[in-house]
């Protein structure tokens, strides 16, 4: 399966294959003290730059790629 990312520098969409993708989660604390977790896929472009795409937890769980 491939994931489509947006390349900000070149202002275009790029598609990366599973071997170039990892998944990660970001946890932050809100003003009232509760924790919020966001899920994302991170890809590595051929020129070495990283791209990130936020996704739902169900998409994150369904993807079989290494966790960063």
PDB file of N, CA and C in Angstrom:
ATOM      1  N   UNK A   1       0.842  -1.183   0.000  1.00  0.00           N
ATOM      2  CA  UNK A   1       0.000   0.000   0.000  1.00  0.00           C
ATOM      3  C   UNK A   1       0.883   1.239   0.000  1.00  0.00           C
ATOM      4  N   UNK A   2       0.457   2.262  -0.658  1.00  0.00           N
ATOM      5  CA  UNK A   2       1.211   3.508  -0.703  1.00  0.00           C
ATOM      6  C   UNK A   2       0.408   4.617  -0.025  1.00  0.00           C
ATOM      7  N   UNK A   3       1.117   5.648   0.399  1.00  0.00           N
ATOM      8  CA  UNK A   3       0.491   6.790   1.066  1.00  0.00           C
ATOM      9  C   UNK A   3       0.875   8.044   0.295  1.00  0.00           C
ATOM     10  N   UNK A   4      -0.094   8.938   0.136  1.00  0.00           N
ATOM     11  CA  UNK A   4       0.144  10.189  -0.573  1.00  0.00           C
ATOM     12  C   UNK A   4       0.430  11.297   0.442  1.00  0.00           C
ATOM     13  N   UNK A   5       1.561  11.966   0.279  1.00  0.00           N
ATOM     14  CA  UNK A   5       1.988  13.065   1.133  1.00  0.00           C
ATOM     15  C   UNK A   5       1.996  14.345   0.313  1.00  0.00           C
ATOM     16  N   UNK A   6       2.067  15.486   0.998  1.00  0.00           N
ATOM     17  CA  UNK A   6       2.203  16.770   0.314  1.00  0.00           C
ATOM     18  C   UNK A   6       3.612  17.297   0.555  1.00  0.00           C
ATOM     19  N   UNK A   7       4.341  17.549  -0.507  1.00  0.00           N
ATOM     20  CA  UNK A   7       5.687  18.097  -0.447  1.00  0.00           C
ATOM     21  C   UNK A   7       5.571  19.622  -0.435  1.00  0.00           C
ATOM     22  N   UNK A   8       5.846  20.232   0.704  1.00  0.00           N
ATOM     23  CA  UNK A   8       5.666  21.677   0.870  1.00  0.00           C
ATOM     24  C   UNK A   8       6.674  22.456   0.024  1.00  0.00           C
ATOM     25  N   UNK A   9       7.899  21.985  -0.041  1.00  0.00           N
ATOM     26  CA  UNK A   9       8.935  22.708  -0.785  1.00  0.00           C
ATOM     27  C   UNK A   9       8.610  22.772  -2.278  1.00  0.00           C
ATOM     28  N   UNK A  10       8.185  21.653  -2.863  1.00  0.00           N
ATOM     29  CA  UNK A  10       7.885  21.613  -4.294  1.00  0.00           C
ATOM     30  C   UNK A  10       6.416  21.869  -4.606  1.00  0.00           C
ATOM     31  N   UNK A  11       5.599  22.017  -3.576  1.00  0.00           N
ATOM     32  CA  UNK A  11       4.169  22.303  -3.718  1.00  0.00           C
ATOM     33  C   UNK A  11       3.461  21.295  -4.620  1.00  0.00           C
ATOM     34  N   UNK A  12       3.668  20.016  -4.308  1.00  0.00           N
ATOM     35  CA  UNK A  12       2.995  18.967  -5.065  1.00  0.00           C
ATOM     36  C   UNK A  12       2.828  17.727  -4.196  1.00  0.00           C
ATOM     37  N   UNK A  13       1.918  16.867  -4.594  1.00  0.00           N
ATOM     38  CA  UNK A  13       1.695  15.625  -3.871  1.00  0.00           C
ATOM     39  C   UNK A  13       2.686  14.577  -4.350  1.00  0.00           C
ATOM     40  N   UNK A  14       3.179  13.775  -3.415  1.00  0.00           N
ATOM     41  CA  UNK A  14       4.093  12.682  -3.734  1.00  0.00           C
ATOM     42  C   UNK A  14       3.550  11.405  -3.109  1.00  0.00           C
ATOM     43  N   UNK A  15       3.776  10.288  -3.766  1.00  0.00           N
ATOM     44  CA  UNK A  15       3.329   8.996  -3.267  1.00  0.00           C
ATOM     45  C   UNK A  15       4.546   8.178  -2.879  1.00  0.00           C
ATOM     46  N   UNK A  16       4.529   7.641  -1.645  1.00  0.00           N
ATOM     47  CA  UNK A  16       5.630   6.827  -1.149  1.00  0.00           C
ATOM     48  C   UNK A  16       5.131   5.420  -0.845  1.00  0.00           C
ATOM     49  N   UNK A  17       5.993   4.443  -1.063  1.00  0.00           N
ATOM     50  CA  UNK A  17       5.667   3.045  -0.796  1.00  0.00           C
ATOM     51  C   UNK A  17       5.934   2.715   0.674  1.00  0.00           C
ATOM     52  N   UNK A  18       5.452   1.551   1.108  1.00  0.00           N
ATOM     53  CA  UNK A  18       5.548   1.145   2.511  1.00  0.00           C
ATOM     54  C   UNK A  18       6.975   1.109   3.048  1.00  0.00           C
ATOM     55  N   UNK A  19       7.946   0.740   2.221  1.00  0.00           N
ATOM     56  CA  UNK A  19       9.319   0.628   2.714  1.00  0.00           C
ATOM     57  C   UNK A  19       9.948   1.987   3.017  1.00  0.00           C
ATOM     58  N   UNK A  20       9.312   3.079   2.611  1.00  0.00           N
ATOM     59  CA  UNK A  20       9.808   4.429   2.876  1.00  0.00           C
ATOM     60  C   UNK A  20       9.007   5.122   3.978  1.00  0.00           C
ATOM     61  N   UNK A  21       8.078   4.393   4.618  1.00  0.00           N
ATOM     62  CA  UNK A  21       7.138   5.001   5.564  1.00  0.00           C
ATOM     63  C   UNK A  21       7.298   4.381   6.947  1.00  0.00           C
ATOM     64  N   UNK A  22       7.200   5.222   7.972  1.00  0.00           N
ATOM     65  CA  UNK A  22       7.070   4.763   9.352  1.00  0.00           C
ATOM     66  C   UNK A  22       5.835   5.436   9.933  1.00  0.00           C
ATOM     67  N   UNK A  23       5.370   4.922  11.059  1.00  0.00           N
ATOM     68  CA  UNK A  23       4.237   5.579  11.715  1.00  0.00           C
ATOM     69  C   UNK A  23       4.669   6.056  13.088  1.00  0.00           C
ATOM     70  N   UNK A  24       4.072   7.148  13.510  1.00  0.00           N
ATOM     71  CA  UNK A  24       4.425   7.748  14.786  1.00  0.00           C
ATOM     72  C   UNK A  24       3.190   8.367  15.411  1.00  0.00           C
ATOM     73  N   UNK A  25       3.273   8.644  16.705  1.00  0.00           N
ATOM     74  CA  UNK A  25       2.173   9.326  17.387  1.00  0.00           C
ATOM     75  C   UNK A  25       2.750  10.487  18.185  1.00  0.00           C
ATOM     76  N   UNK A  26       1.990  11.545  18.251  1.00  0.00           N
ATOM     77  CA  UNK A  26       2.375  12.750  18.976  1.00  0.00           C
ATOM     78  C   UNK A  26       1.385  12.956  20.114  1.00  0.00           C
ATOM     79  N   UNK A  27       1.889  13.093  21.327  1.00  0.00           N
ATOM     80  CA  UNK A  27       1.035  13.307  22.487  1.00  0.00           C
ATOM     81  C   UNK A  27       1.309  14.694  23.048  1.00  0.00           C
ATOM     82  N   UNK A  28       0.234  15.434  23.281  1.00  0.00           N
ATOM     83  CA  UNK A  28       0.371  16.764  23.861  1.00  0.00           C
ATOM     84  C   UNK A  28      -0.641  16.918  24.985  1.00  0.00           C
ATOM     85  N   UNK A  29      -0.365  17.854  25.866  1.00  0.00           N
ATOM     86  CA  UNK A  29      -1.253  18.133  26.986  1.00  0.00           C
ATOM     87  C   UNK A  29      -2.035  19.406  26.684  1.00  0.00           C
ATOM     88  N   UNK A  30      -3.346  19.339  26.853  1.00  0.00           N
ATOM     89  CA  UNK A  30      -4.194  20.492  26.594  1.00  0.00           C
ATOM     90  C   UNK A  30      -4.187  21.432  27.793  1.00  0.00           C
ATOM     91  N   UNK A  31      -4.834  22.570  27.648  1.00  0.00           N
ATOM     92  CA  UNK A  31      -4.881  23.557  28.729  1.00  0.00           C
ATOM     93  C   UNK A  31      -5.505  23.005  30.001  1.00  0.00           C
ATOM     94  N   UNK A  32      -6.537  22.158  29.844  1.00  0.00           N
ATOM     95  CA  UNK A  32      -7.214  21.643  31.038  1.00  0.00           C
ATOM     96  C   UNK A  32      -6.538  20.395  31.603  1.00  0.00           C
ATOM     97  N   UNK A  33      -5.390  19.991  31.057  1.00  0.00           N
ATOM     98  CA  UNK A  33      -4.610  18.907  31.635  1.00  0.00           C
ATOM     99  C   UNK A  33      -4.815  17.538  31.014  1.00  0.00           C
ATOM    100  N   UNK A  34      -5.760  17.390  30.118  1.00  0.00           N
ATOM    101  CA  UNK A  34      -5.950  16.084  29.487  1.00  0.00           C
ATOM    102  C   UNK A  34      -4.934  15.905  28.359  1.00  0.00           C
ATOM    103  N   UNK A  35      -4.681  14.648  28.009  1.00  0.00           N
ATOM    104  CA  UNK A  35      -3.719  14.367  26.954  1.00  0.00           C
ATOM    105  C   UNK A  35      -4.420  14.131  25.633  1.00  0.00           C
ATOM    106  N   UNK A  36      -3.807  14.606  24.573  1.00  0.00           N
ATOM    107  CA  UNK A  36      -4.345  14.441  23.224  1.00  0.00           C
ATOM    108  C   UNK A  36      -3.289  13.721  22.395  1.00  0.00           C
ATOM    109  N   UNK A  37      -3.687  12.665  21.711  1.00  0.00           N
ATOM    110  CA  UNK A  37      -2.764  11.909  20.874  1.00  0.00           C
ATOM    111  C   UNK A  37      -3.173  12.044  19.420  1.00  0.00           C
ATOM    112  N   UNK A  38      -2.215  12.412  18.579  1.00  0.00           N
ATOM    113  CA  UNK A  38      -2.438  12.492  17.131  1.00  0.00           C
ATOM    114  C   UNK A  38      -1.564  11.442  16.470  1.00  0.00           C
ATOM    115  N   UNK A  39      -2.092  10.837  15.434  1.00  0.00           N
ATOM    116  CA  UNK A  39      -1.402   9.762  14.739  1.00  0.00           C
ATOM    117  C   UNK A  39      -0.974  10.245  13.367  1.00  0.00           C
ATOM    118  N   UNK A  40       0.204   9.779  12.914  1.00  0.00           N
ATOM    119  CA  UNK A  40       0.735  10.270  11.643  1.00  0.00           C
ATOM    120  C   UNK A  40       1.612   9.222  10.976  1.00  0.00           C
ATOM    121  N   UNK A  41       1.737   9.364   9.661  1.00  0.00           N
ATOM    122  CA  UNK A  41       2.702   8.610   8.878  1.00  0.00           C
ATOM    123  C   UNK A  41       3.828   9.564   8.521  1.00  0.00           C
ATOM    124  N   UNK A  42       5.065   9.068   8.595  1.00  0.00           N
ATOM    125  CA  UNK A  42       6.224   9.872   8.219  1.00  0.00           C
ATOM    126  C   UNK A  42       6.942   9.170   7.083  1.00  0.00           C
ATOM    127  N   UNK A  43       7.267   9.929   6.062  1.00  0.00           N
ATOM    128  CA  UNK A  43       7.962   9.370   4.909  1.00  0.00           C
ATOM    129  C   UNK A  43       9.258  10.100   4.645  1.00  0.00           C
ATOM    130  N   UNK A  44      10.151   9.424   3.936  1.00  0.00           N
ATOM    131  CA  UNK A  44      11.448   9.992   3.589  1.00  0.00           C
ATOM    132  C   UNK A  44      11.501  10.142   2.076  1.00  0.00           C
ATOM    133  N   UNK A  45      11.685  11.373   1.605  1.00  0.00           N
ATOM    134  CA  UNK A  45      11.775  11.641   0.173  1.00  0.00           C
ATOM    135  C   UNK A  45      13.161  11.249  -0.346  1.00  0.00           C
ATOM    136  N   UNK A  46      13.293  11.022  -1.651  1.00  0.00           N
ATOM    137  CA  UNK A  46      14.596  10.627  -2.217  1.00  0.00           C
ATOM    138  C   UNK A  46      15.726  11.619  -1.937  1.00  0.00           C
ATOM    139  N   UNK A  47      15.407  12.899  -1.780  1.00  0.00           N
ATOM    140  CA  UNK A  47      16.459  13.884  -1.489  1.00  0.00           C
ATOM    141  C   UNK A  47      16.761  14.008   0.005  1.00  0.00           C
ATOM    142  N   UNK A  48      16.153  13.151   0.841  1.00  0.00           N
ATOM    143  CA  UNK A  48      16.467  13.109   2.266  1.00  0.00           C
ATOM    144  C   UNK A  48      15.528  13.881   3.163  1.00  0.00           C
ATOM    145  N   UNK A  49      14.604  14.642   2.594  1.00  0.00           N
ATOM    146  CA  UNK A  49      13.675  15.410   3.423  1.00  0.00           C
ATOM    147  C   UNK A  49      12.567  14.513   3.953  1.00  0.00           C
ATOM    148  N   UNK A  50      12.020  14.892   5.114  1.00  0.00           N
ATOM    149  CA  UNK A  50      10.915  14.157   5.721  1.00  0.00           C
ATOM    150  C   UNK A  50       9.589  14.827   5.386  1.00  0.00           C
ATOM    151  N   UNK A  51       8.547  14.004   5.240  1.00  0.00           N
ATOM    152  CA  UNK A  51       7.188  14.509   5.064  1.00  0.00           C
ATOM    153  C   UNK A  51       6.301  13.797   6.073  1.00  0.00           C
ATOM    154  N   UNK A  52       5.268  14.482   6.537  1.00  0.00           N
ATOM    155  CA  UNK A  52       4.362  13.946   7.546  1.00  0.00           C
ATOM    156  C   UNK A  52       2.934  14.084   7.071  1.00  0.00           C
ATOM    157  N   UNK A  53       2.134  13.052   7.339  1.00  0.00           N
ATOM    158  CA  UNK A  53       0.709  13.104   7.033  1.00  0.00           C
ATOM    159  C   UNK A  53      -0.047  12.599   8.259  1.00  0.00           C
ATOM    160  N   UNK A  54      -0.903  13.437   8.807  1.00  0.00           N
ATOM    161  CA  UNK A  54      -1.712  13.035   9.943  1.00  0.00           C
ATOM    162  C   UNK A  54      -2.863  12.166   9.463  1.00  0.00           C
ATOM    163  N   UNK A  55      -3.265  11.217  10.313  1.00  0.00           N
ATOM    164  CA  UNK A  55      -4.292  10.256   9.912  1.00  0.00           C
ATOM    165  C   UNK A  55      -5.138   9.883  11.125  1.00  0.00           C
ATOM    166  N   UNK A  56      -6.171   9.095  10.870  1.00  0.00           N
ATOM    167  CA  UNK A  56      -7.027   8.621  11.958  1.00  0.00           C
ATOM    168  C   UNK A  56      -6.372   7.425  12.646  1.00  0.00           C
ATOM    169  N   UNK A  57      -6.817   7.124  13.850  1.00  0.00           N
ATOM    170  CA  UNK A  57      -6.270   5.978  14.579  1.00  0.00           C
ATOM    171  C   UNK A  57      -6.550   4.678  13.840  1.00  0.00           C
ATOM    172  N   UNK A  58      -7.709   4.554  13.210  1.00  0.00           N
ATOM    173  CA  UNK A  58      -8.029   3.318  12.490  1.00  0.00           C
ATOM    174  C   UNK A  58      -7.091   3.118  11.296  1.00  0.00           C
ATOM    175  N   UNK A  59      -6.772   4.195  10.565  1.00  0.00           N
ATOM    176  CA  UNK A  59      -5.806   4.089   9.465  1.00  0.00           C
ATOM    177  C   UNK A  59      -4.419   3.750   9.997  1.00  0.00           C
ATOM    178  N   UNK A  60      -4.054   4.355  11.122  1.00  0.00           N
ATOM    179  CA  UNK A  60      -2.751   4.130  11.741  1.00  0.00           C
ATOM    180  C   UNK A  60      -2.608   2.675  12.168  1.00  0.00           C
ATOM    181  N   UNK A  61      -3.664   2.120  12.784  1.00  0.00           N
ATOM    182  CA  UNK A  61      -3.634   0.727  13.228  1.00  0.00           C
ATOM    183  C   UNK A  61      -3.612  -0.247  12.054  1.00  0.00           C
ATOM    184  N   UNK A  62      -4.279   0.099  10.965  1.00  0.00           N
ATOM    185  CA  UNK A  62      -4.384  -0.805   9.820  1.00  0.00           C
ATOM    186  C   UNK A  62      -3.084  -0.897   9.020  1.00  0.00           C
ATOM    187  N   UNK A  63      -2.250   0.112   9.108  1.00  0.00           N
ATOM    188  CA  UNK A  63      -1.017   0.135   8.312  1.00  0.00           C
ATOM    189  C   UNK A  63       0.053  -0.723   8.978  1.00  0.00           C
ATOM    190  N   UNK A  64       0.642  -1.630   8.215  1.00  0.00           N
ATOM    191  CA  UNK A  64       1.645  -2.547   8.746  1.00  0.00           C
ATOM    192  C   UNK A  64       3.047  -2.046   8.389  1.00  0.00           C
ATOM    193  N   UNK A  65       3.476  -0.990   9.078  1.00  0.00           N
ATOM    194  CA  UNK A  65       4.813  -0.416   8.897  1.00  0.00           C
ATOM    195  C   UNK A  65       5.431  -0.218  10.277  1.00  0.00           C
ATOM    196  N   UNK A  66       6.766  -0.079  10.361  1.00  0.00           N
ATOM    197  CA  UNK A  66       7.400   0.077  11.678  1.00  0.00           C
ATOM    198  C   UNK A  66       6.980   1.366  12.388  1.00  0.00           C
ATOM    199  N   UNK A  67       6.959   1.298  13.720  1.00  0.00           N
ATOM    200  CA  UNK A  67       6.640   2.469  14.545  1.00  0.00           C
ATOM    201  C   UNK A  67       7.937   3.203  14.836  1.00  0.00           C
ATOM    202  N   UNK A  68       7.926   4.499  14.646  1.00  0.00           N
ATOM    203  CA  UNK A  68       9.104   5.340  14.880  1.00  0.00           C
ATOM    204  C   UNK A  68       9.223   5.685  16.340  1.00  0.00           C
TER     205      UNK A  68
END
